[in-house]
Structures are given as C-alpha cells and as structure tokens.
C-alpha atoms as a PDB file:
ATOM      1  CA  MET A   1       0.000   0.000   0.000  1.00  0.00           C
ATOM      2  CA  ILE A   2       1.526   3.321  -1.114  1.00  0.00           C
ATOM      3  CA  ILE A   3       0.243   6.566   0.375  1.00  0.00           C
ATOM      4  CA  PRO A   4       1.695   9.993  -0.510  1.00  0.00           C
ATOM      5  CA  ALA A   5       2.637  12.320   2.343  1.00  0.00           C
ATOM      6  CA  ARG A   6      -0.257  14.683   1.657  1.00  0.00           C
ATOM      7  CA  ASN A   7      -2.726  11.834   2.259  1.00  0.00           C
ATOM      8  CA  ILE A   8      -1.193  10.459   5.445  1.00  0.00           C
ATOM      9  CA  ASN A   9      -4.461  10.929   7.309  1.00  0.00           C
ATOM     10  CA  SER A  10      -6.061   8.283   5.112  1.00  0.00           C
ATOM     11  CA  CYS A  11      -3.721   5.474   6.299  1.00  0.00           C
ATOM     12  CA  SER A  12      -6.152   4.001   8.795  1.00  0.00           C
ATOM     13  CA  LEU A  13      -9.028   4.106   6.314  1.00  0.00           C
ATOM     14  CA  GLU A  14      -6.953   2.459   3.569  1.00  0.00           C
ATOM     15  CA  LEU A  15      -5.846  -0.273   5.957  1.00  0.00           C
ATOM     16  CA  SER A  16      -9.440  -0.869   7.002  1.00  0.00           C
ATOM     17  CA  ASN A  17     -10.344  -1.355   3.337  1.00  0.00           C
ATOM     18  CA  ILE A  18      -7.583  -3.944   2.990  1.00  0.00           C
ATOM     19  CA  ASP A  19      -8.765  -5.728   6.139  1.00  0.00           C
ATOM     20  CA  SER A  20     -12.301  -5.758   4.779  1.00  0.00           C
ATOM     21  CA  TRP A  21     -11.186  -7.087   1.387  1.00  0.00           C
ATOM     22  CA  ALA A  22      -9.112  -9.820   3.052  1.00  0.00           C
ATOM     23  CA  SER A  23     -12.043 -10.930   5.196  1.00  0.00           C
ATOM     24  CA  LYS A  24     -14.359 -11.141   2.198  1.00  0.00           C
ATOM     25  CA  ASN A  25     -11.790 -13.333   0.423  1.00  0.00           C
ATOM     26  CA  ASN A  26     -11.197 -15.624   3.413  1.00  0.00           C
ATOM     27  CA  LEU A  27      -7.783 -14.071   4.123  1.00  0.00           C
ATOM     28  CA  GLN A  28      -6.237 -12.313   7.089  1.00  0.00           C
ATOM     29  CA  LEU A  29      -3.795  -9.417   7.209  1.00  0.00           C
ATOM     30  CA  ASN A  30      -0.805 -10.475   9.308  1.00  0.00           C
ATOM     31  CA  ARG A  31       0.308  -7.297  11.066  1.00  0.00           C
ATOM     32  CA  ALA A  32       3.323  -9.057  12.579  1.00  0.00           C
ATOM     33  CA  LYS A  33       4.708  -9.565   9.051  1.00  0.00           C
ATOM     34  CA  SER A  34       3.749  -6.086   7.844  1.00  0.00           C
ATOM     35  CA  THR A  35       6.143  -3.139   7.933  1.00  0.00           C
ATOM     36  CA  GLU A  36       6.027   0.595   7.345  1.00  0.00           C
ATOM     37  CA  ILE A  37       8.641   2.708   5.568  1.00  0.00           C
ATOM     38  CA  ILE A  38       8.822   6.447   4.881  1.00  0.00           C
ATOM     39  CA  PHE A  39      10.597   7.317   1.638  1.00  0.00           C
ATOM     40  CA  VAL A  40      12.494  10.605   1.379  1.00  0.00           C
ATOM     41  CA  ARG A  41      14.473  12.270  -1.380  1.00  0.00           C
ATOM     42  CA  PRO A  42      17.949  10.748  -1.838  1.00  0.00           C
ATOM     43  CA  ARG A  43      19.777  14.077  -1.576  1.00  0.00           C
ATOM     44  CA  SER A  44      17.781  15.454   1.323  1.00  0.00           C
ATOM     45  CA  LYS A  45      19.959  16.986   4.023  1.00  0.00           C
ATOM     46  CA  GLY A  46      19.398  17.568   7.700  1.00  0.00           C
ATOM     47  CA  SER A  47      16.855  15.889   9.888  1.00  0.00           C
ATOM     48  CA  GLN A  48      13.625  14.878   8.222  1.00  0.00           C
ATOM     49  CA  TYR A  49      10.387  15.149  10.113  1.00  0.00           C
ATOM     50  CA  GLU A  50       8.851  11.730  10.440  1.00  0.00           C
ATOM     51  CA  PRO A  51       5.270  11.551  11.654  1.00  0.00           C
ATOM     52  CA  PRO A  52       4.556   9.150  14.499  1.00  0.00           C
ATOM     53  CA  PRO A  53       3.188   5.756  13.460  1.00  0.00           C
ATOM     54  CA  VAL A  54      -0.493   6.017  12.643  1.00  0.00           C
ATOM     55  CA  ILE A  55      -1.010   2.273  12.236  1.00  0.00           C
ATOM     56  CA  SER A  56      -0.658   0.100  15.308  1.00  0.00           C
ATOM     57  CA  GLY A  57       1.180  -3.202  15.061  1.00  0.00           C
ATOM     58  CA  PHE A  58       3.404  -2.199  12.123  1.00  0.00           C
ATOM     59  CA  THR A  59       7.190  -1.966  12.530  1.00  0.00           C
ATOM     60  CA  ARG A  60       8.824   1.064  10.908  1.00  0.00           C
ATOM     61  CA  VAL A  61      11.906   0.016   8.919  1.00  0.00           C
ATOM     62  CA  GLN A  62      14.759   1.727   7.050  1.00  0.00           C
ATOM     63  CA  SER A  63      14.641  -0.603   4.052  1.00  0.00           C
ATOM     64  CA  ILE A  64      12.044  -2.873   2.514  1.00  0.00           C
ATOM     65  CA  LYS A  65      12.100  -5.841   0.138  1.00  0.00           C
ATOM     66  CA  MET A  66       9.441  -5.702  -2.548  1.00  0.00           C
ATOM     67  CA  LEU A  67       9.111  -8.713  -4.845  1.00  0.00           C
ATOM     68  CA  GLY A  68      12.721  -9.652  -4.197  1.00  0.00           C
ATOM     69  CA  VAL A  69      14.251  -6.171  -4.604  1.00  0.00           C
ATOM     70  CA  THR A  70      15.450  -4.246  -1.538  1.00  0.00           C
ATOM     71  CA  PHE A  71      15.105  -0.448  -1.461  1.00  0.00           C
ATOM     72  CA  SER A  72      16.215   1.836   1.348  1.00  0.00           C
ATOM     73  CA  ARG A  73      14.190   4.815   2.531  1.00  0.00           C
ATOM     74  CA  LYS A  74      16.334   7.046   0.274  1.00  0.00           C
ATOM     75  CA  PHE A  75      15.787   4.853  -2.806  1.00  0.00           C
ATOM     76  CA  SER A  76      19.238   3.273  -2.565  1.00  0.00           C
ATOM     77  CA  VAL A  77      19.748  -0.297  -3.777  1.00  0.00           C
ATOM     78  CA  SER A  78      23.167  -0.780  -2.169  1.00  0.00           C
ATOM     79  CA  GLN A  79      21.721  -3.268   0.303  1.00  0.00           C
ATOM     80  CA  HIS A  80      20.123  -5.159  -2.575  1.00  0.00           C
ATOM     81  CA  VAL A  81      23.497  -5.348  -4.337  1.00  0.00           C
ATOM     82  CA  ASP A  82      25.126  -6.521  -1.091  1.00  0.00           C
ATOM     83  CA  GLU A  83      22.598  -9.329  -0.779  1.00  0.00           C
ATOM     84  CA  LEU A  84      23.016 -10.315  -4.428  1.00  0.00           C
ATOM     85  CA  LEU A  85      26.799 -10.479  -4.235  1.00  0.00           C
ATOM     86  CA  ALA A  86      26.699 -12.439  -0.980  1.00  0.00           C
ATOM     87  CA  ALA A  87      24.317 -15.023  -2.437  1.00  0.00           C
ATOM     88  CA  CYS A  88      26.234 -15.303  -5.717  1.00  0.00           C
ATOM     89  CA  SER A  89      29.563 -15.651  -3.911  1.00  0.00           C
ATOM     90  CA  GLN A  90      28.152 -18.711  -2.183  1.00  0.00           C
ATOM     91  CA  SER A  91      27.183 -20.114  -5.577  1.00  0.00           C
ATOM     92  CA  LEU A  92      30.829 -19.959  -6.652  1.00  0.00           C
ATOM     93  CA  PHE A  93      31.628 -22.657  -4.103  1.00  0.00           C
ATOM     94  CA  ALA A  94      29.062 -24.937  -5.726  1.00  0.00           C
ATOM     95  CA  LEU A  95      30.563 -24.196  -9.146  1.00  0.00           C
ATOM     96  CA  ARG A  96      34.039 -25.022  -7.869  1.00  0.00           C
ATOM     97  CA  THR A  97      32.723 -28.349  -6.569  1.00  0.00           C
ATOM     98  CA  LEU A  98      31.189 -29.118  -9.973  1.00  0.00           C
ATOM     99  CA  ARG A  99      34.475 -28.358 -11.707  1.00  0.00           C
ATOM    100  CA  GLN A 100      36.366 -30.619  -9.302  1.00  0.00           C
ATOM    101  CA  HIS A 101      33.959 -33.416 -10.267  1.00  0.00           C
ATOM    102  CA  GLY A 102      34.867 -33.010 -13.923  1.00  0.00           C
ATOM    103  CA  LEU A 103      32.221 -30.655 -15.314  1.00  0.00           C
ATOM    104  CA  PRO A 104      33.619 -29.184 -18.579  1.00  0.00           C
ATOM    105  CA  ASP A 105      34.057 -25.417 -18.984  1.00  0.00           C
ATOM    106  CA  GLU A 106      31.214 -25.031 -21.485  1.00  0.00           C
ATOM    107  CA  ALA A 107      28.751 -26.644 -19.116  1.00  0.00           C
ATOM    108  CA  LEU A 108      30.198 -24.664 -16.212  1.00  0.00           C
ATOM    109  CA  HIS A 109      29.540 -21.424 -18.084  1.00  0.00           C
ATOM    110  CA  ALA A 110      25.952 -22.522 -18.737  1.00  0.00           C
ATOM    111  CA  VAL A 111      25.410 -23.218 -15.032  1.00  0.00           C
ATOM    112  CA  PHE A 112      26.935 -19.836 -14.136  1.00  0.00           C
ATOM    113  CA  GLN A 113      24.556 -18.129 -16.570  1.00  0.00           C
ATOM    114  CA  ALA A 114      21.540 -19.960 -15.190  1.00  0.00           C
ATOM    115  CA  ILE A 115      22.326 -19.530 -11.500  1.00  0.00           C
ATOM    116  CA  VAL A 116      24.438 -16.392 -11.089  1.00  0.00           C
ATOM    117  CA  ILE A 117      23.678 -14.099 -14.044  1.00  0.00           C
ATOM    118  CA  ASN A 118      19.940 -14.717 -13.863  1.00  0.00           C
ATOM    119  CA  ARG A 119      19.974 -13.989 -10.136  1.00  0.00           C
ATOM    120  CA  LEU A 120      21.995 -10.803 -10.552  1.00  0.00           C
ATOM    121  CA  SER A 121      19.823  -9.480 -13.369  1.00  0.00           C
ATOM    122  CA  TYR A 122      16.490 -10.390 -11.767  1.00  0.00           C
ATOM    123  CA  ALA A 123      14.104  -7.403 -12.074  1.00  0.00           C
ATOM    124  CA  SER A 124      17.035  -5.217 -13.188  1.00  0.00           C
ATOM    125  CA  PRO A 125      14.784  -2.690 -15.010  1.00  0.00           C
ATOM    126  CA  ALA A 126      13.247  -1.850 -11.624  1.00  0.00           C
ATOM    127  CA  TRP A 127      16.488  -1.174  -9.733  1.00  0.00           C
ATOM    128  CA  TRP A 128      19.330  -0.645 -12.226  1.00  0.00           C
ATOM    129  CA  GLY A 129      18.551   3.054 -12.611  1.00  0.00           C
ATOM    130  CA  PHE A 130      18.876   3.550  -8.843  1.00  0.00           C
ATOM    131  CA  ALA A 131      22.249   1.779  -8.597  1.00  0.00           C
ATOM    132  CA  SER A 132      25.125   4.101  -7.724  1.00  0.00           C
ATOM    133  CA  ALA A 133      28.474   4.114  -9.521  1.00  0.00           C
ATOM    134  CA  ASP A 134      29.937   2.105  -6.640  1.00  0.00           C
ATOM    135  CA  ASP A 135      27.131  -0.469  -6.860  1.00  0.00           C
ATOM    136  CA  ARG A 136      27.746  -0.914 -10.583  1.00  0.00           C
ATOM    137  CA  HIS A 137      31.503  -1.140 -10.094  1.00  0.00           C
ATOM    138  CA  ARG A 138      31.096  -3.925  -7.519  1.00  0.00           C
ATOM    139  CA  LEU A 139      28.833  -5.919  -9.837  1.00  0.00           C
ATOM    140  CA  GLU A 140      31.250  -5.603 -12.750  1.00  0.00           C
ATOM    141  CA  ALA A 141      34.177  -6.512 -10.492  1.00  0.00           C
ATOM    142  CA  PHE A 142      32.395  -9.672  -9.369  1.00  0.00           C
ATOM    143  CA  LEU A 143      31.853 -10.786 -12.969  1.00  0.00           C
ATOM    144  CA  ARG A 144      35.477 -10.042 -13.898  1.00  0.00           C
ATOM    145  CA  ARG A 145      36.618 -12.113 -10.919  1.00  0.00           C
ATOM    146  CA  SER A 146      34.304 -14.943 -11.964  1.00  0.00           C
ATOM    147  CA  ALA A 147      35.805 -14.852 -15.454  1.00  0.00           C
ATOM    148  CA  ARG A 148      39.344 -15.042 -14.062  1.00  0.00           C
ATOM    149  CA  LEU A 149      38.288 -18.092 -12.029  1.00  0.00           C
ATOM    150  CA  GLY A 150      37.010 -19.738 -15.192  1.00  0.00           C
ATOM    151  CA  TYR A 151      33.309 -19.723 -14.356  1.00  0.00           C
ATOM    152  CA  ARG A 152      32.491 -17.294 -17.152  1.00  0.00           C
ATOM    153  CA  ALA A 153      33.903 -16.732 -20.610  1.00  0.00           C
ATOM    154  CA  ASN A 154      36.310 -13.797 -20.860  1.00  0.00           C
ATOM    155  CA  SER A 155      34.482 -12.566 -23.956  1.00  0.00           C
ATOM    156  CA  SER A 156      31.135 -12.309 -22.149  1.00  0.00           C
ATOM    157  CA  THR A 157      29.293  -9.000 -22.107  1.00  0.00           C
ATOM    158  CA  THR A 158      29.418  -6.610 -19.184  1.00  0.00           C
ATOM    159  CA  PHE A 159      26.673  -6.483 -16.592  1.00  0.00           C
ATOM    160  CA  ALA A 160      25.685  -3.033 -17.844  1.00  0.00           C
ATOM    161  CA  SER A 161      25.058  -4.532 -21.299  1.00  0.00           C
ATOM    162  CA  ILE A 162      22.991  -7.329 -19.762  1.00  0.00           C
ATOM    163  CA  CYS A 163      20.818  -4.771 -17.960  1.00  0.00           C
ATOM    164  CA  ASP A 164      20.499  -2.640 -21.093  1.00  0.00           C
ATOM    165  CA  ASP A 165      19.287  -5.659 -23.053  1.00  0.00           C
ATOM    166  CA  ALA A 166      16.743  -6.444 -20.337  1.00  0.00           C
ATOM    167  CA  ASP A 167      15.576  -2.807 -20.446  1.00  0.00           C
ATOM    168  CA  ASP A 168      15.168  -2.935 -24.236  1.00  0.00           C
ATOM    169  CA  GLN A 169      13.235  -6.202 -24.199  1.00  0.00           C
ATOM    170  CA  LEU A 170      10.814  -4.965 -21.552  1.00  0.00           C
ATOM    171  CA  PHE A 171      10.330  -1.621 -23.298  1.00  0.00           C
ATOM    172  CA  MET A 172       9.555  -3.398 -26.567  1.00  0.00           C
ATOM    173  CA  ARG A 173       6.925  -5.529 -24.839  1.00  0.00           C
ATOM    174  CA  ILE A 174       5.394  -2.462 -23.201  1.00  0.00           C
ATOM    175  CA  THR A 175       5.177  -0.370 -26.371  1.00  0.00           C
ATOM    176  CA  SER A 176       3.929  -3.206 -28.586  1.00  0.00           C
ATOM    177  CA  ASN A 177       1.163  -4.392 -26.250  1.00  0.00           C
ATOM    178  CA  SER A 178      -1.513  -1.912 -25.218  1.00  0.00           C
ATOM    179  CA  GLN A 179      -2.737  -4.431 -22.626  1.00  0.00           C
ATOM    180  CA  HIS A 180       0.622  -4.535 -20.856  1.00  0.00           C
ATOM    181  CA  LEU A 181       0.400  -3.530 -17.206  1.00  0.00           C
ATOM    182  CA  LEU A 182       2.973  -0.737 -17.687  1.00  0.00           C
ATOM    183  CA  HIS A 183       1.602   0.564 -20.984  1.00  0.00           C
ATOM    184  CA  ARG A 184      -0.608   3.115 -19.229  1.00  0.00           C
ATOM    185  CA  LEU A 185       2.529   4.759 -17.785  1.00  0.00           C
ATOM    186  CA  LEU A 186       3.688   5.817 -21.254  1.00  0.00           C
ATOM    187  CA  PRO A 187       3.081   9.461 -22.246  1.00  0.00           C
ATOM    188  CA  PRO A 188       0.847  10.359 -25.213  1.00  0.00           C
ATOM    189  CA  GLU A 189       2.222   9.858 -28.703  1.00  0.00           C
ATOM    190  CA  ARG A 190       3.578  12.800 -30.652  1.00  0.00           C
ATOM    191  CA  GLU A 191       1.747  14.235 -33.632  1.00  0.00           C
ATOM    192  CA  GLN A 192       4.072  14.182 -36.625  1.00  0.00           C
ATOM    193  CA  HIS A 193       3.640  17.080 -39.045  1.00  0.00           C
ATOM    194  CA  TYR A 194       6.995  16.761 -40.780  1.00  0.00           C
ATOM    195  CA  SER A 195       9.049  13.989 -42.320  1.00  0.00           C
ATOM    196  CA  LEU A 196      11.793  13.535 -39.747  1.00  0.00           C
ATOM    197  CA  ARG A 197      14.402  10.861 -39.192  1.00  0.00           C
ATOM    198  CA  GLU A 198      13.104   7.633 -37.752  1.00  0.00           C
ATOM    199  CA  ARG A 199      12.940   7.578 -33.967  1.00  0.00           C
ATOM    200  CA  SER A 200      13.039   4.599 -31.659  1.00  0.00           C
ATOM    201  CA  HIS A 201       9.645   5.625 -30.283  1.00  0.00           C
ATOM    202  CA  ASN A 202       6.952   8.173 -31.037  1.00  0.00           C
ATOM    203  CA  TYR A 203       6.059   9.260 -27.510  1.00  0.00           C
ATOM    204  CA  GLN A 204       6.189  12.745 -26.106  1.00  0.00           C
ATOM    205  CA  LEU A 205       9.104  13.394 -23.793  1.00  0.00           C
ATOM    206  CA  PRO A 206       7.919  14.316 -20.285  1.00  0.00           C
ATOM    207  CA  GLU A 207       9.589  17.161 -18.452  1.00  0.00           C
ATOM    208  CA  ARG A 208      12.681  16.210 -16.491  1.00  0.00           C
ATOM    209  CA  THR A 209      12.293  17.746 -13.051  1.00  0.00           C
ATOM    210  CA  THR A 210      14.385  15.798 -10.532  1.00  0.00           C
ATOM    211  CA  LEU A 211      17.274  13.341 -10.528  1.00  0.00           C
ATOM    212  CA  LEU A 212      15.061  10.852  -8.729  1.00  0.00           C
ATOM    213  CA  LYS A 213      12.509  10.986 -11.534  1.00  0.00           C
ATOM    214  CA  ASP A 214      15.274  10.458 -14.099  1.00  0.00           C
ATOM    215  CA  LYS A 215      16.103   7.113 -12.459  1.00  0.00           C
ATOM    216  CA  ASN A 216      12.606   5.815 -13.097  1.00  0.00           C
ATOM    217  CA  TYR A 217      12.518   3.056 -15.723  1.00  0.00           C
ATOM    218  CA  ILE A 218       9.999   4.671 -18.090  1.00  0.00           C
ATOM    219  CA  MET A 219      11.785   8.015 -17.942  1.00  0.00           C
ATOM    220  CA  ARG A 220      15.165   6.390 -18.570  1.00  0.00           C
ATOM    221  CA  MET A 221      13.903   4.503 -21.600  1.00  0.00           C
ATOM    222  CA  LEU A 222      12.042   7.423 -23.150  1.00  0.00           C
ATOM    223  CA  TYR A 223      15.176   9.562 -23.168  1.00  0.00           C
ATOM    224  CA  ARG A 224      17.657   6.772 -23.904  1.00  0.00           C
ATOM    225  CA  GLU A 225      15.726   5.406 -26.845  1.00  0.00           C
ATOM    226  CA  TYR A 226      14.875   8.786 -28.361  1.00  0.00           C
END
C-alpha cells in the first residue's frame, strides 16, 4: 500500500479497506509480518520530520524488500546489491565443486549463466537506474573475478550490457502491447507534421524535473531510446 505524504491521514481508512477485502476473500492481514517505511528524497539533508506511526502493530523500517528487490528509505539499492553479491559468492563454491567433479568449462559457463547471471539481473529494469556508480563497479568486479576463475567466458558481455538488453526487451513488450500492465505509464504519442528521421519511439518526452525521476525506468527509456 503506497500513500503519498499529503494523504497520510487516510492510512487508517486504507488499511481498514484492505482488512475488509481480506475478510471477504477468506484471508487475514498479518500485522506481525507487515512493515512501514517512509521514503524521502535521496539528496535530502538535515533531519527529516517523520510523523509518528499512525497504524498500530506495524514496525517502521529503514529498508524494505518488494518482490525480491530491496530499497532503502532514500531509494538506494546498495543493500540489494550486497545481498546479491553475498548469495552469488556462495554459488561460486558450488561451481568449484562441480568443476572438481569433472564438469567441462562449457557446461560450467551454462550453469553460471543460469544460477548467477539470472539472479543478478532479476528485475534489473526496476532497480538498475537507482544503482550508484559504486554499486555498478562492484557488480562488474564480481563478474570479472568470476571470469578469471574460469566460471564465465572472458568474452562475455558486461553487466551493464545485460541490464540494457533487459531494459530494451521490456520496453519493446510495453510499447507493442496496449494491454501490458505498464503501458498506461507511457506518455501520449507525438503528432508528426513533418518527415523527420526515424525515432526509436513516437512518444512525447515528459519534463525532467528531478534526478530521482530520471532514475525511473519509463523516464530512462524514453530519453535513452529517443
């Protein structure tokens, strides 16, 4: 449940609606497993006023995992990258064991792609734009180290290229399918009155107002693909 700051007084009412919906569908809202987080601008300085909890039974946290992706209250994904690298580093031990049992390099690379690369790139369109330069450097360093250890081909693409490909594939699905869940987030199409060079898309470019907005997936793709 996402509530903007200007509507904070509606928290209790919104939660009551969720409780009511759960009851009608033979479900129960587990407050012990529910958390509350207040998001603030990444570059905000000084102390931020945080209203007291308005929902009883919810723990206020500094970071939250949503569908497998961890965001901090300042929209940082450094913790998410930490968790990814820790999990993938453990997978390297399993790969080393497979190699000791005679698994050939080609098969080893296929296992690395299936286990490590797919885990690292999971939901990358959602978080890649929020990754800092240090986060990206650590991910690239991990893949270079894996290549030196023989778990990945030296000629393999960079992680940035992998994320760019994932961005392109998702954007193509969004723009080509009007029933796609994210299609409604696209801006209106431009009206062409002149014969101009071919563009990668025909959507109006929304105004760029903040750095945080620029990190949003749709915004990134509209300007990158234009």
